[in-house]
Amino acid sequence: MPQINETILAPELQGGEWIQGGPIQLAQLRGHRVALLDFWDYTCVNCIRTLPYVREWHRRYAGKGLVIIGVHAPEFTFAHNRSHVCEAIAEFALDYPIVLDNNYSIWQAYSNRYWPAKYLIDLEGRLRYYHFGEGLYQDTEKQIQKLLKELDPLAQLPDLMKPLRESDIPGAVCYRVTPELYLGYTRGQFGNPGGVARDKTFDYADPGRYVEGAAYLVGRWCVGEEYSRAAAPGAKLLLRYTAMDVNLVMAPGAKSPARVELLMGAEQLPGADVRPLNGHYFIDVDRPRMYNLVANRSVLSGSLRLRVLDPGVAMYAFTFISCVVEQNPSF
């Protein structure tokens, strides 16, 4: 159980811009509130998967003395944009206070390094518990209830939440899948012979052979620090992977929505953001966000090709989902 030295007072939430609720001073909560800080980014798949739990904890415990504060720390430059974050807040139906931590001042005050990250603060303002990443939802809720009982020993609290997804229940199998794959030259993994040209347009040839865990650019692209931007119609990105779900953070160019065609093997299944049309699959890139490209029934090794029909589309990072429920898992 991750615990923190109980003598540590939680740092104040200074330097951010409150975009919903707030401003909140932790010192003013002492003696009558418990706080949960949730560091998140609206393009982060792991953050997105935790939000239904955070949203439900707010519904269950706001009236019992819990204050949830979302600290949005952007992973990509476009996520500094207030309007993009506000759109995500509405999309995910978040109604608790949220502060935009564009300068990472709160992130640094907590020495945080992860998306998502949750920190629990007791009625005396002390850090009492933390958890990084997905999972341990019932353990986190137990800690919430423990601190609320310290606040009010007579509080009537509900039973712990049941898992919201099959992959969250005990017995789910989490396979080793392709690691997160970035598409800018700072952190990118490219398989093109000779690497990529930085910050300039270049015509990339198809090498014809591909390895898993690397992205291959074909056609005209411009590779920046954070992204690969298609510079001409028909530019392609090729990928081999092992996963159940495949997600990709993308942003449109001058035309919105911009069309991207997805080509994949017959054994693979299109994701939630894929639109079938006349036997083909398309993604309409309408704003900077994460798009679900592939949603297989189980983990498999596959390949996909993205063909950009409207130039200007920028691709930032692939993420891959690994946890599935199997009737007869083999180890």
C-alpha atoms as a PDB file:
ATOM      1  CA  MET A   1       0.000   0.000   0.000  1.00  0.00           C
ATOM      2  CA  PRO A   2       1.715   3.250  -1.060  1.00  0.00           C
ATOM      3  CA  GLN A   3       1.923   5.535   1.963  1.00  0.00           C
ATOM      4  CA  ILE A   4       3.661   8.866   2.523  1.00  0.00           C
ATOM      5  CA  ASN A   5       5.437  10.170   5.601  1.00  0.00           C
ATOM      6  CA  GLU A   6       2.458  11.537   7.523  1.00  0.00           C
ATOM      7  CA  THR A   7       4.361  14.578   8.774  1.00  0.00           C
ATOM      8  CA  ILE A   8       4.546  16.078   5.254  1.00  0.00           C
ATOM      9  CA  LEU A   9       2.136  18.941   4.587  1.00  0.00           C
ATOM     10  CA  ALA A  10       0.777  19.078   1.063  1.00  0.00           C
ATOM     11  CA  PRO A  11       2.174  22.002  -0.971  1.00  0.00           C
ATOM     12  CA  GLU A  12      -0.271  24.729  -1.888  1.00  0.00           C
ATOM     13  CA  LEU A  13      -1.677  24.833  -5.426  1.00  0.00           C
ATOM     14  CA  GLN A  14       0.197  27.881  -6.651  1.00  0.00           C
ATOM     15  CA  GLY A  15       1.021  29.043 -10.159  1.00  0.00           C
ATOM     16  CA  GLY A  16      -1.857  27.477 -12.089  1.00  0.00           C
ATOM     17  CA  GLU A  17      -4.935  28.944 -13.763  1.00  0.00           C
ATOM     18  CA  TRP A  18      -8.262  27.795 -12.371  1.00  0.00           C
ATOM     19  CA  ILE A  19     -10.548  26.986 -15.270  1.00  0.00           C
ATOM     20  CA  GLN A  20     -13.362  25.331 -13.312  1.00  0.00           C
ATOM     21  CA  GLY A  21     -14.192  26.011  -9.686  1.00  0.00           C
ATOM     22  CA  GLY A  22     -11.569  27.435  -7.360  1.00  0.00           C
ATOM     23  CA  PRO A  23      -9.300  28.971  -6.574  1.00  0.00           C
ATOM     24  CA  ILE A  24      -8.779  26.554  -3.720  1.00  0.00           C
ATOM     25  CA  GLN A  25      -6.288  27.021  -0.912  1.00  0.00           C
ATOM     26  CA  LEU A  26      -5.487  23.761   0.845  1.00  0.00           C
ATOM     27  CA  ALA A  27      -4.891  25.592   4.121  1.00  0.00           C
ATOM     28  CA  GLN A  28      -8.545  26.679   4.116  1.00  0.00           C
ATOM     29  CA  LEU A  29      -9.674  23.050   3.854  1.00  0.00           C
ATOM     30  CA  ARG A  30      -7.911  21.976   7.046  1.00  0.00           C
ATOM     31  CA  GLY A  31     -10.180  20.756   9.788  1.00  0.00           C
ATOM     32  CA  HIS A  32     -13.263  20.266   7.628  1.00  0.00           C
ATOM     33  CA  ARG A  33     -12.284  18.731   4.264  1.00  0.00           C
ATOM     34  CA  VAL A  34     -10.227  15.900   2.766  1.00  0.00           C
ATOM     35  CA  ALA A  35      -8.678  16.504  -0.668  1.00  0.00           C
ATOM     36  CA  LEU A  36      -7.789  14.273  -3.600  1.00  0.00           C
ATOM     37  CA  LEU A  37      -5.448  15.726  -6.245  1.00  0.00           C
ATOM     38  CA  ASP A  38      -5.613  14.079  -9.666  1.00  0.00           C
ATOM     39  CA  PHE A  39      -2.794  14.977 -12.068  1.00  0.00           C
ATOM     40  CA  TRP A  40      -4.021  14.258 -15.596  1.00  0.00           C
ATOM     41  CA  ASP A  41      -3.749  15.179 -19.256  1.00  0.00           C
ATOM     42  CA  TYR A  42      -6.754  14.971 -21.562  1.00  0.00           C
ATOM     43  CA  THR A  43      -4.858  13.074 -24.295  1.00  0.00           C
ATOM     44  CA  CYS A  44      -3.432  10.429 -21.914  1.00  0.00           C
ATOM     45  CA  VAL A  45      -5.194   7.079 -22.320  1.00  0.00           C
ATOM     46  CA  ASN A  46      -4.355   5.986 -18.770  1.00  0.00           C
ATOM     47  CA  CYS A  47      -5.794   9.245 -17.415  1.00  0.00           C
ATOM     48  CA  ILE A  48      -8.930   8.863 -19.524  1.00  0.00           C
ATOM     49  CA  ARG A  49      -9.469   5.338 -18.200  1.00  0.00           C
ATOM     50  CA  THR A  50      -9.286   6.533 -14.559  1.00  0.00           C
ATOM     51  CA  LEU A  51     -11.673   9.469 -14.978  1.00  0.00           C
ATOM     52  CA  PRO A  52     -14.916   7.457 -14.578  1.00  0.00           C
ATOM     53  CA  TYR A  53     -13.714   6.415 -11.118  1.00  0.00           C
ATOM     54  CA  VAL A  54     -12.676   9.939 -10.153  1.00  0.00           C
ATOM     55  CA  ARG A  55     -16.007  11.283 -11.399  1.00  0.00           C
ATOM     56  CA  GLU A  56     -17.919   8.717  -9.323  1.00  0.00           C
ATOM     57  CA  TRP A  57     -15.844   9.397  -6.187  1.00  0.00           C
ATOM     58  CA  HIS A  58     -16.793  13.047  -6.528  1.00  0.00           C
ATOM     59  CA  ARG A  59     -20.472  12.106  -6.788  1.00  0.00           C
ATOM     60  CA  ARG A  60     -20.273   9.757  -3.803  1.00  0.00           C
ATOM     61  CA  TYR A  61     -18.156  11.749  -1.392  1.00  0.00           C
ATOM     62  CA  ALA A  62     -18.401  15.485  -2.150  1.00  0.00           C
ATOM     63  CA  GLY A  63     -21.212  15.687   0.393  1.00  0.00           C
ATOM     64  CA  LYS A  64     -19.157  13.701   2.911  1.00  0.00           C
ATOM     65  CA  GLY A  65     -16.224  16.115   2.970  1.00  0.00           C
ATOM     66  CA  LEU A  66     -14.092  15.119  -0.045  1.00  0.00           C
ATOM     67  CA  VAL A  67     -12.819  17.814  -2.410  1.00  0.00           C
ATOM     68  CA  ILE A  68     -11.432  16.480  -5.694  1.00  0.00           C
ATOM     69  CA  ILE A  69      -9.107  18.795  -7.593  1.00  0.00           C
ATOM     70  CA  GLY A  70      -8.016  17.965 -11.118  1.00  0.00           C
ATOM     71  CA  VAL A  71      -4.550  19.287 -11.976  1.00  0.00           C
ATOM     72  CA  HIS A  72      -4.251  19.336 -15.761  1.00  0.00           C
ATOM     73  CA  ALA A  73      -0.557  19.139 -16.679  1.00  0.00           C
ATOM     74  CA  PRO A  74      -0.195  19.127 -20.486  1.00  0.00           C
ATOM     75  CA  GLU A  75       1.975  16.526 -22.185  1.00  0.00           C
ATOM     76  CA  PHE A  76       1.903  18.229 -25.601  1.00  0.00           C
ATOM     77  CA  THR A  77       2.047  21.906 -26.578  1.00  0.00           C
ATOM     78  CA  PHE A  78      -1.524  22.045 -27.908  1.00  0.00           C
ATOM     79  CA  ALA A  79      -2.828  20.861 -24.521  1.00  0.00           C
ATOM     80  CA  HIS A  80      -1.791  24.216 -23.027  1.00  0.00           C
ATOM     81  CA  ASN A  81      -4.781  25.680 -24.855  1.00  0.00           C
ATOM     82  CA  ARG A  82      -7.537  26.440 -22.366  1.00  0.00           C
ATOM     83  CA  SER A  83     -10.332  25.849 -24.890  1.00  0.00           C
ATOM     84  CA  HIS A  84      -9.074  22.350 -25.723  1.00  0.00           C
ATOM     85  CA  VAL A  85      -9.035  21.410 -22.042  1.00  0.00           C
ATOM     86  CA  CYS A  86     -12.493  22.904 -21.504  1.00  0.00           C
ATOM     87  CA  GLU A  87     -13.844  20.814 -24.386  1.00  0.00           C
ATOM     88  CA  ALA A  88     -12.365  17.705 -22.763  1.00  0.00           C
ATOM     89  CA  ILE A  89     -13.845  18.613 -19.375  1.00  0.00           C
ATOM     90  CA  ALA A  90     -17.284  18.809 -20.984  1.00  0.00           C
ATOM     91  CA  GLU A  91     -16.739  15.600 -22.973  1.00  0.00           C
ATOM     92  CA  PHE A  92     -15.726  13.635 -19.869  1.00  0.00           C
ATOM     93  CA  ALA A  93     -18.466  15.291 -17.733  1.00  0.00           C
ATOM     94  CA  LEU A  94     -16.095  16.462 -15.003  1.00  0.00           C
ATOM     95  CA  ASP A  95     -17.771  18.811 -12.545  1.00  0.00           C
ATOM     96  CA  TYR A  96     -15.149  19.180  -9.806  1.00  0.00           C
ATOM     97  CA  PRO A  97     -12.564  22.017  -9.590  1.00  0.00           C
ATOM     98  CA  ILE A  98      -9.773  21.895 -12.178  1.00  0.00           C
ATOM     99  CA  VAL A  99      -6.610  23.965 -12.415  1.00  0.00           C
ATOM    100  CA  LEU A 100      -4.541  24.312 -15.581  1.00  0.00           C
ATOM    101  CA  ASP A 101      -0.896  23.708 -14.630  1.00  0.00           C
ATOM    102  CA  ASN A 102       0.713  24.883 -17.879  1.00  0.00           C
ATOM    103  CA  ASN A 103       3.965  25.913 -16.213  1.00  0.00           C
ATOM    104  CA  TYR A 104       4.147  22.672 -14.198  1.00  0.00           C
ATOM    105  CA  SER A 105       4.496  24.652 -10.974  1.00  0.00           C
ATOM    106  CA  ILE A 106       2.109  22.363  -9.057  1.00  0.00           C
ATOM    107  CA  TRP A 107       3.603  19.309 -10.769  1.00  0.00           C
ATOM    108  CA  GLN A 108       7.067  20.343  -9.552  1.00  0.00           C
ATOM    109  CA  ALA A 109       5.863  21.228  -6.055  1.00  0.00           C
ATOM    110  CA  TYR A 110       4.674  17.631  -5.680  1.00  0.00           C
ATOM    111  CA  SER A 111       7.783  16.223  -7.436  1.00  0.00           C
ATOM    112  CA  ASN A 112       5.352  14.417  -9.691  1.00  0.00           C
ATOM    113  CA  ARG A 113       6.510  12.407 -12.700  1.00  0.00           C
ATOM    114  CA  TYR A 114       3.440  10.502 -13.845  1.00  0.00           C
ATOM    115  CA  TRP A 115       0.125  10.746 -15.708  1.00  0.00           C
ATOM    116  CA  PRO A 116      -2.160  10.011 -13.947  1.00  0.00           C
ATOM    117  CA  ALA A 117      -1.124  10.507 -10.334  1.00  0.00           C
ATOM    118  CA  LYS A 118      -3.387  10.754  -7.307  1.00  0.00           C
ATOM    119  CA  TYR A 119      -2.494  12.282  -3.920  1.00  0.00           C
ATOM    120  CA  LEU A 120      -4.732  12.144  -0.842  1.00  0.00           C
ATOM    121  CA  ILE A 121      -4.557  14.940   1.742  1.00  0.00           C
ATOM    122  CA  ASP A 122      -6.086  14.509   5.201  1.00  0.00           C
ATOM    123  CA  LEU A 123      -8.035  16.963   7.350  1.00  0.00           C
ATOM    124  CA  GLU A 124      -4.801  18.346   8.804  1.00  0.00           C
ATOM    125  CA  GLY A 125      -3.375  19.041   5.349  1.00  0.00           C
ATOM    126  CA  ARG A 126      -0.916  16.139   5.371  1.00  0.00           C
ATOM    127  CA  LEU A 127      -0.104  13.903   2.427  1.00  0.00           C
ATOM    128  CA  ARG A 128      -1.302  10.441   3.388  1.00  0.00           C
ATOM    129  CA  TYR A 129      -1.482   8.321   0.234  1.00  0.00           C
ATOM    130  CA  TYR A 130      -0.529   8.300  -3.434  1.00  0.00           C
ATOM    131  CA  HIS A 131      -1.039   6.111  -6.477  1.00  0.00           C
ATOM    132  CA  PHE A 132       0.438   6.392  -9.963  1.00  0.00           C
ATOM    133  CA  GLY A 133      -1.155   5.040 -13.120  1.00  0.00           C
ATOM    134  CA  GLU A 134      -4.282   2.938 -13.491  1.00  0.00           C
ATOM    135  CA  GLY A 135      -5.644   0.298 -11.140  1.00  0.00           C
ATOM    136  CA  LEU A 136      -5.948  -0.086  -7.349  1.00  0.00           C
ATOM    137  CA  TYR A 137      -9.302   1.678  -7.505  1.00  0.00           C
ATOM    138  CA  GLN A 138     -10.754  -0.075  -4.464  1.00  0.00           C
ATOM    139  CA  ASP A 139      -7.548   0.470  -2.486  1.00  0.00           C
ATOM    140  CA  THR A 140      -7.700   4.183  -3.293  1.00  0.00           C
ATOM    141  CA  GLU A 141     -11.366   4.345  -2.352  1.00  0.00           C
ATOM    142  CA  LYS A 142     -10.602   2.580   0.952  1.00  0.00           C
ATOM    143  CA  GLN A 143      -8.083   5.301   1.709  1.00  0.00           C
ATOM    144  CA  ILE A 144     -10.631   7.980   0.825  1.00  0.00           C
ATOM    145  CA  GLN A 145     -13.102   6.399   3.232  1.00  0.00           C
ATOM    146  CA  LYS A 146     -10.446   6.072   5.934  1.00  0.00           C
ATOM    147  CA  LEU A 147      -9.686   9.797   5.819  1.00  0.00           C
ATOM    148  CA  LEU A 148     -13.393  10.685   5.716  1.00  0.00           C
ATOM    149  CA  LYS A 149     -13.928   8.562   8.834  1.00  0.00           C
ATOM    150  CA  GLU A 150     -11.153  10.508  10.532  1.00  0.00           C
ATOM    151  CA  LEU A 151     -13.035  13.659   9.571  1.00  0.00           C
ATOM    152  CA  ASP A 152     -16.377  12.294  10.809  1.00  0.00           C
ATOM    153  CA  PRO A 153     -16.368   8.931  12.634  1.00  0.00           C
ATOM    154  CA  LEU A 154     -20.169   8.750  12.297  1.00  0.00           C
ATOM    155  CA  ALA A 155     -20.198   9.264   8.534  1.00  0.00           C
ATOM    156  CA  GLN A 156     -22.329   6.740   6.636  1.00  0.00           C
ATOM    157  CA  LEU A 157     -20.287   5.671   3.614  1.00  0.00           C
ATOM    158  CA  PRO A 158     -21.345   3.441   0.695  1.00  0.00           C
ATOM    159  CA  ASP A 159     -19.904   0.073  -0.229  1.00  0.00           C
ATOM    160  CA  LEU A 160     -16.819   0.246  -2.376  1.00  0.00           C
ATOM    161  CA  MET A 161     -17.421   0.687  -6.095  1.00  0.00           C
ATOM    162  CA  LYS A 162     -17.551  -2.394  -8.255  1.00  0.00           C
ATOM    163  CA  PRO A 163     -15.118  -2.430 -11.191  1.00  0.00           C
ATOM    164  CA  LEU A 164     -16.439  -0.387 -14.103  1.00  0.00           C
ATOM    165  CA  ARG A 165     -14.635  -2.487 -16.738  1.00  0.00           C
ATOM    166  CA  GLU A 166     -14.006  -6.187 -17.046  1.00  0.00           C
ATOM    167  CA  SER A 167     -10.299  -5.487 -17.351  1.00  0.00           C
ATOM    168  CA  ASP A 168     -10.347  -3.923 -13.858  1.00  0.00           C
ATOM    169  CA  ILE A 169     -11.591  -7.047 -12.071  1.00  0.00           C
ATOM    170  CA  PRO A 170      -9.284  -9.541 -10.339  1.00  0.00           C
ATOM    171  CA  GLY A 171      -8.168 -12.160 -12.825  1.00  0.00           C
ATOM    172  CA  ALA A 172      -7.717  -9.847 -15.762  1.00  0.00           C
ATOM    173  CA  VAL A 173      -4.597 -10.721 -17.724  1.00  0.00           C
ATOM    174  CA  CYS A 174      -2.248  -7.877 -18.644  1.00  0.00           C
ATOM    175  CA  TYR A 175       0.118  -8.826 -21.426  1.00  0.00           C
ATOM    176  CA  ARG A 176       3.363  -7.223 -22.397  1.00  0.00           C
ATOM    177  CA  VAL A 177       2.497  -5.074 -25.394  1.00  0.00           C
ATOM    178  CA  THR A 178       4.200  -2.534 -27.615  1.00  0.00           C
ATOM    179  CA  PRO A 179       5.424   0.407 -25.483  1.00  0.00           C
ATOM    180  CA  GLU A 180       4.107   3.915 -26.009  1.00  0.00           C
ATOM    181  CA  LEU A 181       5.472   5.211 -29.296  1.00  0.00           C
ATOM    182  CA  TYR A 182       6.203   8.919 -29.794  1.00  0.00           C
ATOM    183  CA  LEU A 183       6.319  10.544 -33.219  1.00  0.00           C
ATOM    184  CA  GLY A 184       8.494  13.614 -32.728  1.00  0.00           C
ATOM    185  CA  TYR A 185      12.264  13.618 -33.039  1.00  0.00           C
ATOM    186  CA  THR A 186      12.811  14.384 -29.317  1.00  0.00           C
ATOM    187  CA  ARG A 187      11.386  11.073 -28.083  1.00  0.00           C
ATOM    188  CA  GLY A 188      10.377   9.348 -31.304  1.00  0.00           C
ATOM    189  CA  GLN A 189      11.180   5.837 -32.443  1.00  0.00           C
ATOM    190  CA  PHE A 190      11.438   5.704 -36.243  1.00  0.00           C
ATOM    191  CA  GLY A 191      12.437   2.755 -38.370  1.00  0.00           C
ATOM    192  CA  ASN A 192      13.261   4.682 -41.545  1.00  0.00           C
ATOM    193  CA  PRO A 193      16.812   3.978 -42.717  1.00  0.00           C
ATOM    194  CA  GLY A 194      18.908   7.036 -41.997  1.00  0.00           C
ATOM    195  CA  GLY A 195      16.427   8.367 -39.428  1.00  0.00           C
ATOM    196  CA  VAL A 196      14.323  11.472 -39.966  1.00  0.00           C
ATOM    197  CA  ALA A 197      15.007  15.045 -41.047  1.00  0.00           C
ATOM    198  CA  ARG A 198      14.373  17.540 -38.250  1.00  0.00           C
ATOM    199  CA  ASP A 199      12.014  20.464 -38.734  1.00  0.00           C
ATOM    200  CA  LYS A 200      11.967  20.285 -42.523  1.00  0.00           C
ATOM    201  CA  THR A 201       9.910  18.614 -45.199  1.00  0.00           C
ATOM    202  CA  PHE A 202      11.352  15.391 -46.559  1.00  0.00           C
ATOM    203  CA  ASP A 203      10.185  12.599 -48.891  1.00  0.00           C
ATOM    204  CA  TYR A 204      10.519   9.218 -47.180  1.00  0.00           C
ATOM    205  CA  ALA A 205      10.755   5.942 -49.081  1.00  0.00           C
ATOM    206  CA  ASP A 206       9.011   2.737 -48.028  1.00  0.00           C
ATOM    207  CA  PRO A 207      11.744   0.388 -46.719  1.00  0.00           C
ATOM    208  CA  GLY A 208       9.552  -2.656 -47.407  1.00  0.00           C
ATOM    209  CA  ARG A 209      10.429  -4.371 -44.126  1.00  0.00           C
ATOM    210  CA  TYR A 210       9.242  -3.317 -40.685  1.00  0.00           C
ATOM    211  CA  VAL A 211       9.938  -4.193 -37.051  1.00  0.00           C
ATOM    212  CA  GLU A 212       7.564  -3.820 -34.133  1.00  0.00           C
ATOM    213  CA  GLY A 213       7.867  -0.766 -31.919  1.00  0.00           C
ATOM    214  CA  ALA A 214       8.990   1.695 -34.599  1.00  0.00           C
ATOM    215  CA  ALA A 215       7.048   4.039 -36.851  1.00  0.00           C
ATOM    216  CA  TYR A 216       7.778   4.216 -40.581  1.00  0.00           C
ATOM    217  CA  LEU A 217       7.064   7.347 -42.588  1.00  0.00           C
ATOM    218  CA  VAL A 218       6.326   7.044 -46.311  1.00  0.00           C
ATOM    219  CA  GLY A 219       5.812  10.063 -48.552  1.00  0.00           C
ATOM    220  CA  ARG A 220       6.223  13.727 -47.628  1.00  0.00           C
ATOM    221  CA  TRP A 221       6.412  14.538 -43.910  1.00  0.00           C
ATOM    222  CA  CYS A 222       7.796  17.221 -41.614  1.00  0.00           C
ATOM    223  CA  VAL A 223       9.025  15.865 -38.272  1.00  0.00           C
ATOM    224  CA  GLY A 224       9.018  18.321 -35.352  1.00  0.00           C
ATOM    225  CA  GLU A 225       9.994  17.939 -31.716  1.00  0.00           C
ATOM    226  CA  GLU A 226       6.605  16.513 -30.709  1.00  0.00           C
ATOM    227  CA  TYR A 227       4.961  15.301 -33.900  1.00  0.00           C
ATOM    228  CA  SER A 228       5.131  14.093 -37.467  1.00  0.00           C
ATOM    229  CA  ARG A 229       3.045  16.312 -39.751  1.00  0.00           C
ATOM    230  CA  ALA A 230       1.840  15.079 -43.162  1.00  0.00           C
ATOM    231  CA  ALA A 231       3.034  17.598 -45.755  1.00  0.00           C
ATOM    232  CA  ALA A 232       1.210  16.187 -48.793  1.00  0.00           C
ATOM    233  CA  PRO A 233      -1.900  14.125 -49.589  1.00  0.00           C
ATOM    234  CA  GLY A 234      -1.198  10.402 -49.534  1.00  0.00           C
ATOM    235  CA  ALA A 235       1.543  10.540 -46.905  1.00  0.00           C
ATOM    236  CA  LYS A 236       1.554   7.245 -44.978  1.00  0.00           C
ATOM    237  CA  LEU A 237       2.603   6.046 -41.552  1.00  0.00           C
ATOM    238  CA  LEU A 238       3.200   2.300 -41.066  1.00  0.00           C
ATOM    239  CA  LEU A 239       3.271   0.408 -37.791  1.00  0.00           C
ATOM    240  CA  ARG A 240       3.590  -3.137 -36.465  1.00  0.00           C
ATOM    241  CA  TYR A 241       2.319  -3.670 -32.935  1.00  0.00           C
ATOM    242  CA  THR A 242       1.164  -6.125 -30.263  1.00  0.00           C
ATOM    243  CA  ALA A 243      -1.875  -4.949 -28.281  1.00  0.00           C
ATOM    244  CA  MET A 244      -5.616  -5.148 -27.840  1.00  0.00           C
ATOM    245  CA  ASP A 245      -6.415  -1.455 -28.428  1.00  0.00           C
ATOM    246  CA  VAL A 246      -4.368   1.045 -30.424  1.00  0.00           C
ATOM    247  CA  ASN A 247      -4.790   4.785 -29.807  1.00  0.00           C
ATOM    248  CA  LEU A 248      -3.161   7.753 -31.516  1.00  0.00           C
ATOM    249  CA  VAL A 249      -3.012  11.408 -30.490  1.00  0.00           C
ATOM    250  CA  MET A 250      -3.624  13.557 -33.583  1.00  0.00           C
ATOM    251  CA  ALA A 251      -4.427  17.159 -34.477  1.00  0.00           C
ATOM    252  CA  PRO A 252      -5.904  18.527 -37.719  1.00  0.00           C
ATOM    253  CA  GLY A 253      -4.173  21.028 -39.975  1.00  0.00           C
ATOM    254  CA  ALA A 254      -5.858  23.941 -41.756  1.00  0.00           C
ATOM    255  CA  LYS A 255      -8.797  21.741 -42.734  1.00  0.00           C
ATOM    256  CA  SER A 256     -10.964  20.409 -39.919  1.00  0.00           C
ATOM    257  CA  PRO A 257     -12.093  17.746 -39.864  1.00  0.00           C
ATOM    258  CA  ALA A 258      -9.205  16.229 -41.784  1.00  0.00           C
ATOM    259  CA  ARG A 259      -9.531  12.727 -43.183  1.00  0.00           C
ATOM    260  CA  VAL A 260      -7.159   9.881 -42.484  1.00  0.00           C
ATOM    261  CA  GLU A 261      -7.694   6.437 -43.973  1.00  0.00           C
ATOM    262  CA  LEU A 262      -6.919   3.387 -41.826  1.00  0.00           C
ATOM    263  CA  LEU A 263      -5.775   0.178 -43.530  1.00  0.00           C
ATOM    264  CA  MET A 264      -5.361  -2.951 -41.399  1.00  0.00           C
ATOM    265  CA  GLY A 265      -5.564  -6.713 -41.503  1.00  0.00           C
ATOM    266  CA  ALA A 266      -8.888  -8.536 -41.580  1.00  0.00           C
ATOM    267  CA  GLU A 267      -8.356 -10.003 -38.099  1.00  0.00           C
ATOM    268  CA  GLN A 268      -8.214  -6.532 -36.551  1.00  0.00           C
ATOM    269  CA  LEU A 269     -11.277  -4.555 -35.489  1.00  0.00           C
ATOM    270  CA  PRO A 270     -11.806  -0.811 -35.983  1.00  0.00           C
ATOM    271  CA  GLY A 271     -11.900   1.401 -32.896  1.00  0.00           C
ATOM    272  CA  ALA A 272     -14.495   3.853 -31.631  1.00  0.00           C
ATOM    273  CA  ASP A 273     -13.196   6.781 -33.686  1.00  0.00           C
ATOM    274  CA  VAL A 274     -13.118   4.906 -36.995  1.00  0.00           C
ATOM    275  CA  ARG A 275     -15.874   5.453 -39.565  1.00  0.00           C
ATOM    276  CA  PRO A 276     -16.577   2.708 -42.122  1.00  0.00           C
ATOM    277  CA  LEU A 277     -17.490   3.834 -45.637  1.00  0.00           C
ATOM    278  CA  ASN A 278     -17.830   1.663 -48.742  1.00  0.00           C
ATOM    279  CA  GLY A 279     -15.523  -1.012 -47.413  1.00  0.00           C
ATOM    280  CA  HIS A 280     -12.894   1.477 -46.215  1.00  0.00           C
ATOM    281  CA  TYR A 281     -12.136   2.907 -42.771  1.00  0.00           C
ATOM    282  CA  PHE A 282     -11.642   6.618 -42.039  1.00  0.00           C
ATOM    283  CA  ILE A 283     -10.859   8.822 -39.055  1.00  0.00           C
ATOM    284  CA  ASP A 284     -12.173  12.389 -39.007  1.00  0.00           C
ATOM    285  CA  VAL A 285      -9.560  14.406 -37.131  1.00  0.00           C
ATOM    286  CA  ASP A 286     -11.618  17.314 -35.847  1.00  0.00           C
ATOM    287  CA  ARG A 287      -9.520  18.608 -32.955  1.00  0.00           C
ATOM    288  CA  PRO A 288      -6.344  17.757 -31.021  1.00  0.00           C
ATOM    289  CA  ARG A 289      -7.124  14.655 -28.948  1.00  0.00           C
ATOM    290  CA  MET A 290      -6.609  10.920 -28.629  1.00  0.00           C
ATOM    291  CA  TYR A 291      -8.297   8.763 -31.280  1.00  0.00           C
ATOM    292  CA  ASN A 292      -9.106   5.079 -30.795  1.00  0.00           C
ATOM    293  CA  LEU A 293      -8.004   3.330 -34.004  1.00  0.00           C
ATOM    294  CA  VAL A 294      -8.129  -0.386 -33.187  1.00  0.00           C
ATOM    295  CA  ALA A 295     -10.256  -2.253 -30.614  1.00  0.00           C
ATOM    296  CA  ASN A 296      -9.465  -5.958 -30.857  1.00  0.00           C
ATOM    297  CA  ARG A 297     -11.216  -8.571 -28.740  1.00  0.00           C
ATOM    298  CA  SER A 298      -7.897  -9.781 -27.367  1.00  0.00           C
ATOM    299  CA  VAL A 299      -4.209  -8.989 -27.573  1.00  0.00           C
ATOM    300  CA  LEU A 300      -2.742  -9.836 -30.973  1.00  0.00           C
ATOM    301  CA  SER A 301       0.140  -8.928 -33.213  1.00  0.00           C
ATOM    302  CA  GLY A 302      -0.976  -6.793 -36.112  1.00  0.00           C
ATOM    303  CA  SER A 303      -0.042  -4.018 -38.464  1.00  0.00           C
ATOM    304  CA  LEU A 304      -1.715  -0.871 -39.693  1.00  0.00           C
ATOM    305  CA  ARG A 305      -1.229   1.868 -42.249  1.00  0.00           C
ATOM    306  CA  LEU A 306      -2.498   5.401 -41.933  1.00  0.00           C
ATOM    307  CA  ARG A 307      -2.909   7.336 -45.186  1.00  0.00           C
ATOM    308  CA  VAL A 308      -3.476  11.071 -44.776  1.00  0.00           C
ATOM    309  CA  LEU A 309      -5.966  12.430 -47.296  1.00  0.00           C
ATOM    310  CA  ASP A 310      -5.940  16.039 -46.086  1.00  0.00           C
ATOM    311  CA  PRO A 311      -2.397  17.308 -45.437  1.00  0.00           C
ATOM    312  CA  GLY A 312      -1.491  19.123 -42.251  1.00  0.00           C
ATOM    313  CA  VAL A 313      -2.547  16.340 -39.868  1.00  0.00           C
ATOM    314  CA  ALA A 314      -0.031  16.023 -37.014  1.00  0.00           C
ATOM    315  CA  MET A 315       0.506  12.695 -35.252  1.00  0.00           C
ATOM    316  CA  TYR A 316       1.987  12.768 -31.742  1.00  0.00           C
ATOM    317  CA  ALA A 317       2.005   9.399 -29.988  1.00  0.00           C
ATOM    318  CA  PHE A 318       0.620   5.863 -30.114  1.00  0.00           C
ATOM    319  CA  THR A 319      -0.554   4.124 -26.941  1.00  0.00           C
ATOM    320  CA  PHE A 320      -1.484   0.468 -26.558  1.00  0.00           C
ATOM    321  CA  ILE A 321      -3.885  -1.342 -24.197  1.00  0.00           C
ATOM    322  CA  SER A 322      -2.914  -4.726 -22.795  1.00  0.00           C
ATOM    323  CA  CYS A 323      -5.390  -5.940 -20.158  1.00  0.00           C
ATOM    324  CA  VAL A 324      -8.126  -8.412 -21.147  1.00  0.00           C
ATOM    325  CA  VAL A 325     -10.410 -10.918 -19.445  1.00  0.00           C
ATOM    326  CA  GLU A 326     -10.035 -14.464 -20.670  1.00  0.00           C
ATOM    327  CA  GLN A 327     -12.108 -17.497 -19.773  1.00  0.00           C
ATOM    328  CA  ASN A 328      -9.132 -19.842 -19.744  1.00  0.00           C
ATOM    329  CA  PRO A 329      -5.974 -17.723 -19.589  1.00  0.00           C
ATOM    330  CA  SER A 330      -2.709 -19.523 -20.178  1.00  0.00           C
ATOM    331  CA  PHE A 331       0.455 -18.491 -18.391  1.00  0.00           C
END
